[in-house]
N, C-alpha and C. Protein backbone atom coordinates (compact mmCIF):
# COMPACT_ATOMS: atom_id res chain seq x y z
N PRO A 1 0.82 -1.20 0.00
CA PRO A 1 0.00 0.00 0.00
C PRO A 1 0.86 1.26 0.00
N ALA A 2 0.31 2.33 -0.46
CA ALA A 2 1.02 3.60 -0.45
C ALA A 2 1.25 4.05 0.98
N GLN A 3 2.32 4.79 1.22
CA GLN A 3 2.63 5.22 2.58
C GLN A 3 1.51 6.05 3.19
N ALA A 4 0.83 6.83 2.39
CA ALA A 4 -0.25 7.67 2.90
C ALA A 4 -1.38 6.85 3.51
N ASP A 5 -1.50 5.60 3.13
CA ASP A 5 -2.56 4.74 3.65
C ASP A 5 -2.06 3.67 4.60
N SER A 6 -0.81 3.76 5.02
CA SER A 6 -0.24 2.67 5.80
C SER A 6 -0.20 2.96 7.30
N TYR A 7 -0.20 1.88 8.04
CA TYR A 7 -0.10 1.93 9.49
C TYR A 7 1.19 1.27 9.91
N SER A 8 1.64 1.58 11.10
CA SER A 8 2.87 1.04 11.64
C SER A 8 2.65 0.74 13.11
N ARG A 9 3.61 0.10 13.73
CA ARG A 9 3.50 -0.11 15.17
C ARG A 9 4.30 0.98 15.87
N GLU A 10 3.75 1.46 16.94
CA GLU A 10 4.39 2.52 17.71
C GLU A 10 4.66 2.01 19.11
N HIS A 11 5.88 2.17 19.57
CA HIS A 11 6.23 1.83 20.94
C HIS A 11 5.83 3.00 21.83
N LEU A 12 5.02 2.74 22.84
CA LEU A 12 4.60 3.81 23.73
C LEU A 12 5.79 4.41 24.47
N TRP A 13 6.80 3.59 24.74
CA TRP A 13 8.06 4.09 25.28
C TRP A 13 9.06 4.00 24.13
N PRO A 14 9.53 5.14 23.60
CA PRO A 14 10.38 5.13 22.40
C PRO A 14 11.65 4.29 22.56
N ARG A 15 12.00 3.58 21.53
CA ARG A 15 13.22 2.77 21.56
C ARG A 15 14.45 3.62 21.81
N GLN A 16 14.45 4.86 21.36
CA GLN A 16 15.60 5.74 21.58
C GLN A 16 15.81 6.03 23.06
N ARG A 17 14.82 5.73 23.88
CA ARG A 17 14.92 5.99 25.31
C ARG A 17 15.13 4.70 26.10
N GLY A 18 15.67 3.67 25.46
CA GLY A 18 16.06 2.50 26.22
C GLY A 18 15.50 1.17 25.78
N VAL A 19 14.59 1.13 24.83
CA VAL A 19 14.05 -0.14 24.36
C VAL A 19 14.93 -0.63 23.22
N ASP A 20 15.36 -1.86 23.31
CA ASP A 20 16.25 -2.43 22.30
C ASP A 20 15.44 -3.04 21.16
N TYR A 21 16.12 -3.63 20.19
CA TYR A 21 15.46 -4.21 19.02
C TYR A 21 15.14 -5.69 19.20
N ASN A 22 15.29 -6.21 20.39
CA ASN A 22 14.89 -7.59 20.64
C ASN A 22 14.49 -7.71 22.12
N GLY A 23 13.99 -8.85 22.49
CA GLY A 23 13.56 -9.05 23.87
C GLY A 23 12.10 -8.68 24.07
N ARG A 24 11.64 -8.85 25.30
CA ARG A 24 10.23 -8.64 25.62
C ARG A 24 9.78 -7.20 25.40
N ASP A 25 10.64 -6.24 25.70
CA ASP A 25 10.22 -4.85 25.57
C ASP A 25 9.98 -4.45 24.12
N PHE A 26 10.52 -5.19 23.16
CA PHE A 26 10.31 -4.89 21.75
C PHE A 26 8.97 -5.42 21.26
N SER A 27 8.45 -6.46 21.90
CA SER A 27 7.24 -7.09 21.40
C SER A 27 6.08 -7.11 22.41
N ASP A 28 6.19 -6.40 23.49
CA ASP A 28 5.14 -6.38 24.51
C ASP A 28 3.87 -5.78 23.92
N ILE A 29 2.82 -6.59 23.83
CA ILE A 29 1.58 -6.16 23.19
C ILE A 29 0.93 -4.98 23.91
N HIS A 30 1.21 -4.79 25.19
CA HIS A 30 0.62 -3.67 25.92
C HIS A 30 1.38 -2.37 25.69
N ALA A 31 2.59 -2.45 25.15
CA ALA A 31 3.39 -1.25 24.94
C ALA A 31 3.54 -0.91 23.46
N ILE A 32 2.86 -1.64 22.59
CA ILE A 32 2.91 -1.38 21.16
C ILE A 32 1.48 -1.18 20.66
N VAL A 33 1.27 -0.11 19.91
CA VAL A 33 -0.06 0.18 19.38
C VAL A 33 0.03 0.48 17.89
N PRO A 34 -1.03 0.18 17.14
CA PRO A 34 -1.02 0.55 15.72
C PRO A 34 -1.29 2.04 15.56
N VAL A 35 -0.52 2.69 14.72
CA VAL A 35 -0.71 4.12 14.46
C VAL A 35 -0.54 4.39 12.98
N HIS A 36 -1.17 5.43 12.52
CA HIS A 36 -0.95 5.86 11.14
C HIS A 36 0.45 6.44 11.05
N TRP A 37 1.10 6.26 9.93
CA TRP A 37 2.49 6.67 9.79
C TRP A 37 2.71 8.15 10.06
N THR A 38 1.72 9.03 9.79
CA THR A 38 1.93 10.46 10.05
C THR A 38 2.02 10.75 11.54
N ASN A 39 1.24 10.02 12.37
CA ASN A 39 1.36 10.20 13.81
C ASN A 39 2.72 9.73 14.30
N LYS A 40 3.20 8.63 13.78
CA LYS A 40 4.51 8.12 14.17
C LYS A 40 5.59 9.12 13.78
N GLN A 41 5.45 9.70 12.63
CA GLN A 41 6.42 10.68 12.14
C GLN A 41 6.39 11.94 13.01
N ASN A 42 5.22 12.34 13.48
CA ASN A 42 5.11 13.53 14.33
C ASN A 42 5.61 13.28 15.74
N ARG A 43 5.42 12.09 16.26
CA ARG A 43 5.81 11.79 17.64
C ARG A 43 7.31 11.62 17.79
N VAL A 44 7.95 10.92 16.89
CA VAL A 44 9.38 10.60 16.95
C VAL A 44 9.69 10.05 18.33
N ASP A 45 10.49 10.73 19.15
CA ASP A 45 10.79 10.24 20.50
C ASP A 45 10.35 11.24 21.57
N ARG A 46 9.35 12.03 21.25
CA ARG A 46 8.84 13.00 22.21
C ARG A 46 8.11 12.29 23.35
N HIS A 47 8.17 12.86 24.53
CA HIS A 47 7.44 12.34 25.68
C HIS A 47 5.96 12.67 25.54
N PHE A 48 5.11 11.80 26.10
CA PHE A 48 3.68 12.11 26.16
C PHE A 48 3.49 13.19 27.22
N SER A 49 2.83 14.25 26.87
CA SER A 49 2.53 15.34 27.79
C SER A 49 1.58 16.30 27.11
N SER A 50 0.98 17.16 27.88
CA SER A 50 0.13 18.20 27.28
C SER A 50 1.01 19.25 26.63
N CYS A 51 0.63 19.66 25.49
CA CYS A 51 1.36 20.67 24.75
C CYS A 51 1.18 22.02 25.42
N GLY A 52 2.23 22.84 25.42
CA GLY A 52 2.12 24.17 25.97
C GLY A 52 2.49 24.28 27.43
N ILE A 53 3.04 23.22 28.03
CA ILE A 53 3.45 23.28 29.44
C ILE A 53 4.94 23.63 29.53
N ALA A 54 5.78 22.85 28.85
CA ALA A 54 7.23 23.10 28.90
C ALA A 54 7.64 24.23 27.96
N HIS A 55 6.82 24.49 26.97
CA HIS A 55 7.09 25.52 25.98
C HIS A 55 5.83 26.36 25.81
N PRO A 56 5.94 27.56 25.27
CA PRO A 56 4.74 28.39 25.08
C PRO A 56 3.69 27.70 24.21
N GLN A 57 2.44 27.97 24.50
CA GLN A 57 1.34 27.40 23.72
C GLN A 57 1.47 27.74 22.25
N SER A 58 2.08 28.86 21.94
CA SER A 58 2.25 29.29 20.54
C SER A 58 3.14 28.34 19.75
N GLU A 59 3.95 27.52 20.44
CA GLU A 59 4.82 26.55 19.76
C GLU A 59 4.10 25.23 19.46
N CYS A 60 2.89 25.05 19.95
CA CYS A 60 2.15 23.81 19.73
C CYS A 60 1.69 23.73 18.28
N ILE A 61 1.88 22.56 17.72
CA ILE A 61 1.46 22.31 16.34
C ILE A 61 0.33 21.32 16.37
N ARG A 62 -0.77 21.65 15.71
CA ARG A 62 -1.91 20.74 15.57
C ARG A 62 -2.04 20.37 14.10
N PRO A 63 -1.60 19.15 13.74
CA PRO A 63 -1.71 18.73 12.34
C PRO A 63 -3.16 18.77 11.87
N THR A 64 -3.34 19.05 10.60
CA THR A 64 -4.69 19.15 10.06
C THR A 64 -5.08 17.97 9.18
N ASP A 65 -4.15 17.05 8.87
CA ASP A 65 -4.55 15.91 8.05
C ASP A 65 -5.50 15.02 8.85
N SER A 66 -6.32 14.28 8.18
CA SER A 66 -7.38 13.52 8.84
C SER A 66 -6.87 12.45 9.80
N PHE A 67 -5.66 11.93 9.59
CA PHE A 67 -5.13 10.88 10.46
C PHE A 67 -4.49 11.44 11.71
N SER A 68 -4.04 12.69 11.70
CA SER A 68 -3.34 13.28 12.83
C SER A 68 -4.11 14.38 13.53
N SER A 69 -5.33 14.62 13.12
CA SER A 69 -6.07 15.76 13.65
C SER A 69 -6.33 15.68 15.15
N GLY A 70 -6.21 14.51 15.74
CA GLY A 70 -6.43 14.36 17.17
C GLY A 70 -5.16 14.46 17.99
N THR A 71 -4.13 15.11 17.46
CA THR A 71 -2.86 15.21 18.18
C THR A 71 -2.36 16.64 18.17
N GLU A 72 -1.41 16.90 19.06
CA GLU A 72 -0.66 18.15 19.04
C GLU A 72 0.73 17.87 19.60
N TYR A 73 1.70 18.68 19.20
CA TYR A 73 3.06 18.47 19.68
C TYR A 73 3.86 19.76 19.61
N ASP A 74 4.95 19.79 20.40
CA ASP A 74 5.92 20.86 20.31
C ASP A 74 7.29 20.20 20.20
N SER A 75 8.36 20.90 20.51
CA SER A 75 9.70 20.34 20.28
C SER A 75 10.05 19.18 21.21
N THR A 76 9.39 19.05 22.37
CA THR A 76 9.74 17.97 23.30
C THR A 76 8.59 17.08 23.71
N THR A 77 7.34 17.46 23.42
CA THR A 77 6.21 16.67 23.87
C THR A 77 5.25 16.34 22.73
N PHE A 78 4.50 15.26 22.93
CA PHE A 78 3.49 14.83 21.98
C PHE A 78 2.23 14.52 22.79
N ALA A 79 1.10 15.04 22.36
CA ALA A 79 -0.14 14.84 23.10
C ALA A 79 -1.23 14.31 22.19
N PRO A 80 -1.63 13.05 22.41
CA PRO A 80 -2.83 12.59 21.72
C PRO A 80 -4.02 13.24 22.42
N LEU A 81 -4.93 13.78 21.67
CA LEU A 81 -6.07 14.46 22.29
C LEU A 81 -7.15 13.47 22.70
N THR A 82 -7.02 12.22 22.26
CA THR A 82 -7.93 11.15 22.66
C THR A 82 -7.08 9.97 23.12
N ASN A 83 -7.68 9.04 23.78
CA ASN A 83 -7.02 7.81 24.24
C ASN A 83 -5.91 8.04 25.26
N LYS A 84 -5.89 9.15 25.95
CA LYS A 84 -4.83 9.40 26.93
C LYS A 84 -4.86 8.37 28.05
N GLY A 85 -6.05 7.97 28.49
CA GLY A 85 -6.16 6.97 29.54
C GLY A 85 -5.60 5.62 29.13
N ASP A 86 -5.85 5.23 27.89
CA ASP A 86 -5.33 3.95 27.39
C ASP A 86 -3.79 3.97 27.40
N ILE A 87 -3.22 5.05 26.98
CA ILE A 87 -1.76 5.16 26.93
C ILE A 87 -1.19 5.15 28.34
N ALA A 88 -1.79 5.90 29.26
CA ALA A 88 -1.31 5.94 30.64
C ALA A 88 -1.37 4.55 31.28
N ARG A 89 -2.46 3.83 31.08
CA ARG A 89 -2.57 2.48 31.65
C ARG A 89 -1.53 1.54 31.06
N ALA A 90 -1.30 1.61 29.76
CA ALA A 90 -0.32 0.72 29.12
C ALA A 90 1.08 1.00 29.66
N ILE A 91 1.44 2.24 29.83
CA ILE A 91 2.77 2.58 30.35
C ILE A 91 2.89 2.18 31.81
N LEU A 92 1.83 2.37 32.60
CA LEU A 92 1.84 2.02 34.01
C LEU A 92 2.05 0.53 34.21
N TYR A 93 1.35 -0.28 33.41
CA TYR A 93 1.44 -1.73 33.58
C TYR A 93 2.62 -2.28 32.86
């Protein structure tokens, strides 16, 4: 499929922050979620947090494409505007 229509797996805890490419942390079903590639591209290795706390609200970016419209991010944080509870529970457990 074309990249615009593709999904990928996203690690709720970014691999750049300590998850390796093998072992349980790479395949834990509770820490991996399907995401559209544009959300994965926007999140990179940013921490989950509300946008506009560590940086001015004016730096928050809200994508307008249909797959990313429920998110916002700045230079260090990424905030899904929905499913925050699901993400918090997955990281906690």
